[in-house]
Protein backbone atom coordinates (compact mmCIF):
# COMPACT_ATOMS: atom_id res chain seq x y z
CA MET A 1 54.52 -52.20 -39.68
CA LEU A 2 52.38 -55.27 -40.34
CA ASP A 3 49.05 -55.75 -38.55
CA GLN A 4 49.51 -58.48 -36.07
CA SER A 5 45.93 -59.26 -36.29
CA THR A 6 46.27 -61.08 -39.73
CA MET A 7 49.14 -63.07 -38.55
CA ASN A 8 47.94 -66.56 -37.19
CA PRO A 9 50.32 -69.08 -35.89
CA VAL A 10 51.29 -71.82 -38.12
CA VAL A 11 53.61 -73.87 -35.87
CA TRP A 12 53.70 -73.70 -32.00
CA LEU A 13 57.46 -74.02 -30.89
CA ASP A 14 57.49 -74.03 -26.96
CA ASP A 15 54.25 -75.02 -25.24
CA HIS A 16 51.93 -72.20 -26.69
CA ASN A 17 54.67 -69.43 -25.69
CA ALA A 18 56.32 -69.25 -28.90
CA TYR A 19 55.01 -69.79 -32.46
CA ILE A 20 56.08 -69.38 -36.32
CA SER A 21 53.93 -67.18 -38.42
CA LEU A 22 53.96 -66.71 -42.12
CA ILE A 23 53.37 -63.67 -44.10
CA PRO A 24 53.62 -64.57 -47.85
CA ASP A 25 53.96 -61.16 -49.50
CA ALA A 26 56.41 -59.56 -46.98
CA GLN A 27 60.12 -59.76 -47.71
CA TYR A 28 60.81 -61.47 -44.82
CA ASN A 29 58.00 -64.43 -44.86
CA LEU A 30 58.62 -66.16 -41.73
CA GLU A 31 58.35 -64.61 -38.36
CA VAL A 32 59.15 -66.12 -34.82
CA TRP A 33 56.92 -64.55 -31.96
CA GLN A 34 56.98 -65.15 -28.28
CA ILE A 35 54.16 -64.63 -25.79
CA ASN A 36 55.03 -62.92 -22.68
CA SER A 37 53.15 -63.96 -19.41
CA ASP A 38 50.90 -60.70 -19.80
CA THR A 39 49.73 -61.75 -23.43
CA HIS A 40 52.08 -59.20 -24.79
CA GLN A 41 53.76 -60.72 -28.23
CA LYS A 42 57.29 -59.92 -29.15
CA ARG A 43 58.79 -60.79 -32.37
CA MET A 44 62.05 -62.74 -31.61
CA GLY A 45 63.28 -62.81 -35.23
CA ARG A 46 62.40 -63.18 -39.04
CA MET A 47 63.84 -64.41 -42.06
CA ASP A 48 63.08 -65.30 -45.73
CA TYR A 49 62.29 -68.78 -45.57
CA LYS A 50 61.58 -69.49 -49.24
CA PHE A 51 64.98 -68.49 -50.43
CA HIS A 52 67.33 -69.12 -46.98
CA ARG A 53 65.59 -72.45 -45.64
CA ASP A 54 69.13 -74.06 -45.66
CA THR A 55 69.67 -71.69 -42.70
CA PHE A 56 66.41 -72.41 -41.10
CA ALA A 57 67.95 -75.02 -38.46
CA ALA A 58 70.74 -72.48 -37.34
CA PHE A 59 68.06 -69.61 -37.12
CA ILE A 60 65.88 -71.73 -34.64
CA TYR A 61 68.66 -73.32 -32.81
CA ARG A 62 69.94 -69.61 -31.86
CA LEU A 63 66.37 -68.67 -30.82
CA PHE A 64 65.70 -71.97 -28.67
CA PRO A 65 68.75 -73.93 -28.25
CA HIS A 66 66.43 -76.98 -26.45
CA ILE A 67 64.88 -77.73 -29.94
CA ASP A 68 66.74 -80.60 -31.45
CA LEU A 69 67.35 -81.21 -35.05
CA MET A 70 64.65 -83.82 -35.30
CA GLN A 71 62.20 -81.19 -34.00
CA ILE A 72 63.57 -78.64 -36.49
CA HIS A 73 62.83 -81.14 -39.43
CA GLU A 74 59.55 -81.71 -38.15
CA ILE A 75 58.72 -77.86 -38.02
CA GLN A 76 60.21 -77.75 -41.63
CA LYS A 77 57.79 -80.37 -42.84
CA GLN A 78 55.03 -78.39 -41.59
CA LEU A 79 56.15 -75.28 -43.11
CA ASN A 80 57.25 -76.71 -46.69
CA PRO A 81 53.74 -76.86 -48.14
CA PHE A 82 53.07 -73.26 -47.49
CA PHE A 83 55.65 -72.45 -50.04
CA ASP A 84 54.80 -75.19 -52.37
CA LEU A 85 58.35 -76.93 -51.31
CA GLU A 86 59.11 -80.64 -51.22
CA VAL A 87 58.15 -81.96 -47.85
């Protein structure tokens, strides 16, 4: 299991209750975490963003149906530089 203390939020998704974290050397290099009211963190999902970024919109929409495509596009613009991808 990965050491959660080394994971920092890269993009906040939901008023500081959910965030995306990147783990560069892991097979699944993008993880979505949710913080419960008692500050306990729970991983909601993970994916290999570098090779499957075309499915990112569906991945996020399944977890957060209230996030629209424009917001997802803005999130991807924040994530792409971490993977040396075009913005």
